[in-house]
N, C-alpha and C. Protein backbone atom coordinates (compact mmCIF):
# COMPACT_ATOMS: atom_id res chain seq x y z
N SER A 1 -23.32 -7.22 35.64
CA SER A 1 -22.26 -6.35 35.02
C SER A 1 -22.28 -6.61 33.58
N SER A 2 -22.00 -5.55 32.75
CA SER A 2 -22.03 -5.60 31.33
C SER A 2 -21.03 -6.58 30.70
N ASP A 3 -19.99 -6.85 31.48
CA ASP A 3 -18.92 -7.75 30.87
C ASP A 3 -19.53 -9.26 30.65
N GLN A 4 -20.62 -9.48 31.36
CA GLN A 4 -21.25 -10.81 31.16
C GLN A 4 -21.98 -10.91 29.83
N ARG A 5 -22.14 -9.73 29.20
CA ARG A 5 -22.78 -9.76 27.86
C ARG A 5 -21.89 -9.54 26.65
N LEU A 6 -20.57 -9.59 26.90
CA LEU A 6 -19.62 -9.31 25.82
C LEU A 6 -19.71 -10.41 24.73
N SER A 7 -20.10 -11.58 25.07
CA SER A 7 -20.22 -12.66 24.02
C SER A 7 -21.45 -12.45 23.17
N GLN A 8 -22.36 -11.59 23.53
CA GLN A 8 -23.55 -11.31 22.79
C GLN A 8 -23.34 -10.13 21.79
N ILE A 9 -22.32 -9.45 21.85
CA ILE A 9 -22.03 -8.29 20.85
C ILE A 9 -21.89 -8.74 19.50
N LYS A 10 -22.64 -8.05 18.59
CA LYS A 10 -22.63 -8.52 17.19
C LYS A 10 -22.13 -7.32 16.27
N ALA A 11 -21.80 -6.24 16.80
CA ALA A 11 -21.22 -5.07 16.10
C ALA A 11 -19.92 -4.56 16.77
N PRO A 12 -19.01 -4.03 15.96
CA PRO A 12 -17.73 -3.61 16.54
C PRO A 12 -17.93 -2.77 17.74
N LEU A 13 -17.09 -3.10 18.79
CA LEU A 13 -17.28 -2.41 20.09
C LEU A 13 -15.87 -2.14 20.64
N LEU A 14 -15.63 -0.98 21.06
CA LEU A 14 -14.32 -0.64 21.75
C LEU A 14 -14.64 -0.42 23.17
N VAL A 15 -14.00 -1.18 24.04
CA VAL A 15 -14.10 -1.04 25.52
C VAL A 15 -12.73 -0.51 25.95
N MET A 16 -12.75 0.55 26.72
CA MET A 16 -11.58 1.13 27.20
C MET A 16 -11.62 1.26 28.76
N ASN A 17 -10.49 0.91 29.43
CA ASN A 17 -10.50 0.97 30.87
C ASN A 17 -9.02 1.30 31.30
N ALA A 18 -8.76 2.06 32.25
CA ALA A 18 -7.57 2.39 32.82
C ALA A 18 -7.22 1.37 33.97
N TYR A 19 -5.98 0.88 34.01
CA TYR A 19 -5.64 -0.10 35.07
C TYR A 19 -5.75 0.65 36.46
N ASP A 20 -5.41 1.95 36.43
CA ASP A 20 -5.49 2.60 37.76
C ASP A 20 -6.79 3.22 38.11
N ASP A 21 -7.87 2.80 37.41
CA ASP A 21 -9.23 3.15 37.63
C ASP A 21 -9.56 2.82 39.03
N PRO A 22 -9.97 3.85 39.98
CA PRO A 22 -10.26 3.50 41.34
C PRO A 22 -11.63 2.76 41.47
N ILE A 23 -12.56 2.88 40.54
CA ILE A 23 -13.78 2.33 40.59
C ILE A 23 -13.80 0.88 40.06
N VAL A 24 -13.20 0.74 38.85
CA VAL A 24 -13.07 -0.64 38.22
C VAL A 24 -11.50 -0.77 38.01
N PRO A 25 -10.79 -1.27 39.05
CA PRO A 25 -9.39 -1.45 39.00
C PRO A 25 -8.98 -2.59 37.96
N GLY A 26 -7.81 -2.45 37.55
CA GLY A 26 -7.27 -3.36 36.52
C GLY A 26 -7.37 -4.83 36.95
N PHE A 27 -7.05 -5.12 38.16
CA PHE A 27 -6.98 -6.46 38.59
C PHE A 27 -8.40 -7.15 38.56
N SER A 28 -9.40 -6.31 38.45
CA SER A 28 -10.84 -6.96 38.42
C SER A 28 -11.22 -7.19 36.96
N LEU A 29 -10.40 -6.95 36.05
CA LEU A 29 -10.82 -7.02 34.67
C LEU A 29 -10.42 -8.39 33.96
N MET A 30 -9.91 -9.30 34.67
CA MET A 30 -9.39 -10.52 33.99
C MET A 30 -10.53 -11.23 33.29
N GLY A 31 -11.70 -11.39 33.81
CA GLY A 31 -12.83 -12.01 33.19
C GLY A 31 -13.28 -11.23 32.01
N SER A 32 -13.31 -9.92 32.11
CA SER A 32 -13.71 -9.07 31.00
C SER A 32 -12.75 -9.20 29.78
N ILE A 33 -11.46 -9.16 30.17
CA ILE A 33 -10.49 -9.32 29.06
C ILE A 33 -10.62 -10.61 28.43
N GLU A 34 -10.74 -11.72 29.02
CA GLU A 34 -10.96 -13.01 28.50
C GLU A 34 -12.18 -13.07 27.63
N ALA A 35 -13.30 -12.42 28.11
CA ALA A 35 -14.50 -12.44 27.29
C ALA A 35 -14.36 -11.59 26.04
N ALA A 36 -13.66 -10.54 26.15
CA ALA A 36 -13.44 -9.77 24.96
C ALA A 36 -12.52 -10.52 23.90
N ARG A 37 -11.68 -11.30 24.42
CA ARG A 37 -10.77 -12.03 23.52
C ARG A 37 -11.61 -13.09 22.73
N GLN A 38 -12.69 -13.62 23.25
CA GLN A 38 -13.49 -14.67 22.65
C GLN A 38 -14.42 -14.12 21.59
N ASN A 39 -14.67 -12.76 21.53
CA ASN A 39 -15.49 -12.11 20.55
C ASN A 39 -14.72 -11.28 19.59
N PRO A 40 -14.68 -11.63 18.28
CA PRO A 40 -13.86 -10.83 17.37
C PRO A 40 -14.52 -9.44 17.22
N GLN A 41 -15.68 -9.28 17.69
CA GLN A 41 -16.29 -7.82 17.39
C GLN A 41 -15.87 -6.95 18.55
N VAL A 42 -15.24 -7.45 19.62
CA VAL A 42 -14.93 -6.57 20.74
C VAL A 42 -13.42 -6.38 20.83
N MET A 43 -13.00 -5.04 20.93
CA MET A 43 -11.62 -4.81 21.17
C MET A 43 -11.62 -4.05 22.47
N MET A 44 -10.81 -4.69 23.49
CA MET A 44 -10.67 -4.10 24.79
C MET A 44 -9.27 -3.51 24.89
N ALA A 45 -9.24 -2.31 25.26
CA ALA A 45 -7.87 -1.61 25.48
C ALA A 45 -7.79 -1.16 26.95
N VAL A 46 -6.70 -1.61 27.57
CA VAL A 46 -6.44 -1.34 28.99
C VAL A 46 -5.13 -0.51 28.99
N THR A 47 -5.27 0.68 29.49
CA THR A 47 -4.11 1.53 29.57
C THR A 47 -3.60 1.59 31.12
N SER A 48 -2.38 1.77 31.32
CA SER A 48 -1.85 1.79 32.64
C SER A 48 -2.35 2.96 33.48
N HIS A 49 -2.64 4.01 32.84
CA HIS A 49 -3.04 5.23 33.66
C HIS A 49 -4.35 5.74 32.89
N GLY A 50 -5.03 6.51 33.65
CA GLY A 50 -6.28 7.20 33.10
C GLY A 50 -7.34 7.45 34.12
N GLY A 51 -7.23 6.67 35.20
CA GLY A 51 -8.21 7.00 36.25
C GLY A 51 -9.58 6.45 35.85
N HIS A 52 -10.65 7.08 36.42
CA HIS A 52 -12.01 6.70 36.17
C HIS A 52 -12.57 7.88 35.23
N LEU A 53 -12.89 7.54 34.00
CA LEU A 53 -13.37 8.51 33.02
C LEU A 53 -12.33 9.60 32.83
N GLY A 54 -10.99 9.22 32.71
CA GLY A 54 -10.03 10.08 32.64
C GLY A 54 -9.36 10.28 31.28
N TRP A 55 -8.11 10.01 31.21
CA TRP A 55 -7.22 10.11 30.07
C TRP A 55 -7.19 11.63 29.57
N CYS A 56 -7.01 12.53 30.57
CA CYS A 56 -6.85 13.84 30.28
C CYS A 56 -5.44 14.15 29.77
N ASP A 57 -5.35 14.86 28.67
CA ASP A 57 -4.14 15.22 28.07
C ASP A 57 -3.44 16.47 28.66
N ARG A 58 -2.21 16.42 29.02
CA ARG A 58 -1.51 17.60 29.56
C ARG A 58 -1.49 18.68 28.53
N GLY A 59 -1.75 19.83 28.90
CA GLY A 59 -1.69 21.03 28.03
C GLY A 59 -2.90 21.12 27.15
N GLU A 60 -3.71 20.21 27.04
CA GLU A 60 -4.93 20.14 26.18
C GLU A 60 -6.01 21.07 26.75
N GLY A 61 -6.12 21.02 28.08
CA GLY A 61 -7.19 21.74 28.69
C GLY A 61 -8.54 21.29 28.13
N TRP A 62 -9.43 22.29 27.70
CA TRP A 62 -10.68 21.97 27.22
C TRP A 62 -10.77 22.19 25.69
N GLY A 63 -9.59 22.48 25.11
CA GLY A 63 -9.66 22.77 23.66
C GLY A 63 -9.27 21.57 22.92
N GLY A 64 -9.88 21.30 21.79
CA GLY A 64 -9.48 20.21 20.92
C GLY A 64 -9.70 18.82 21.56
N PRO A 65 -9.76 17.80 20.54
CA PRO A 65 -10.01 16.49 21.02
C PRO A 65 -8.75 15.98 21.75
N GLY A 66 -9.01 15.21 22.83
CA GLY A 66 -7.92 14.58 23.59
C GLY A 66 -7.62 13.20 23.06
N TRP A 67 -6.80 12.51 23.73
CA TRP A 67 -6.27 11.23 23.30
C TRP A 67 -7.44 10.19 23.12
N VAL A 68 -8.33 10.19 24.17
CA VAL A 68 -9.35 9.14 24.12
C VAL A 68 -10.35 9.41 22.96
N GLU A 69 -10.65 10.63 22.75
CA GLU A 69 -11.49 11.01 21.48
C GLU A 69 -10.85 10.53 20.22
N ARG A 70 -9.51 10.84 20.05
CA ARG A 70 -8.81 10.44 18.80
C ARG A 70 -8.80 8.86 18.71
N VAL A 71 -8.62 8.14 19.81
CA VAL A 71 -8.62 6.64 19.78
C VAL A 71 -10.07 6.19 19.32
N ALA A 72 -11.06 6.74 19.96
CA ALA A 72 -12.49 6.25 19.66
C ALA A 72 -12.80 6.60 18.16
N CYS A 73 -12.46 7.77 17.75
CA CYS A 73 -12.76 8.19 16.40
C CYS A 73 -11.93 7.29 15.39
N GLY A 74 -10.70 6.99 15.65
CA GLY A 74 -9.84 6.05 14.87
C GLY A 74 -10.55 4.65 14.71
N PHE A 75 -11.05 4.20 15.86
CA PHE A 75 -11.74 2.81 15.92
C PHE A 75 -12.95 2.95 15.13
N LEU A 76 -13.78 3.96 15.23
CA LEU A 76 -15.01 4.06 14.44
C LEU A 76 -14.79 4.21 12.92
N GLU A 77 -13.70 4.92 12.53
CA GLU A 77 -13.40 5.17 11.18
C GLU A 77 -13.02 3.70 10.63
N THR A 78 -12.12 2.97 11.29
CA THR A 78 -11.69 1.70 10.85
C THR A 78 -12.86 0.77 10.78
N ALA A 79 -13.78 0.68 11.77
CA ALA A 79 -14.92 -0.28 11.70
C ALA A 79 -15.79 0.08 10.54
N MET A 80 -16.04 1.34 10.27
CA MET A 80 -16.91 1.76 9.07
C MET A 80 -16.17 1.41 7.80
N GLU A 81 -14.88 1.50 7.71
CA GLU A 81 -14.17 1.13 6.50
C GLU A 81 -14.25 -0.37 6.27
N LEU A 82 -14.11 -1.14 7.33
CA LEU A 82 -14.25 -2.59 7.18
C LEU A 82 -15.64 -3.02 6.88
N GLN A 83 -16.57 -2.35 7.34
CA GLN A 83 -18.04 -2.73 7.04
C GLN A 83 -18.31 -2.44 5.60
N SER A 84 -17.80 -1.28 5.04
CA SER A 84 -18.04 -0.98 3.71
C SER A 84 -17.37 -1.95 2.68
N GLU A 85 -16.26 -2.59 3.20
CA GLU A 85 -15.57 -3.60 2.30
C GLU A 85 -16.30 -4.91 2.14
N GLU A 86 -17.22 -5.17 3.08
CA GLU A 86 -17.99 -6.43 3.10
C GLU A 86 -19.09 -6.46 1.98
């Protein structure tokens, strides 16, 4: 599993998982969460809802960026800003 490689990450990485994911349920993430905490390059976000590859916004339909896209873009923008300050 890829969580065994979190300690090797050398660039900013956002990992997102929903606790109610039927494929990778929240209770199975304890090792991944601990591994992510050990690496300052990794930010792991676990939401209570979202399902598997979900996080659909009500009323958004297929138009415009949804919540998960806004979170990912915000993370990337911040990572780029921090890198340019170095």
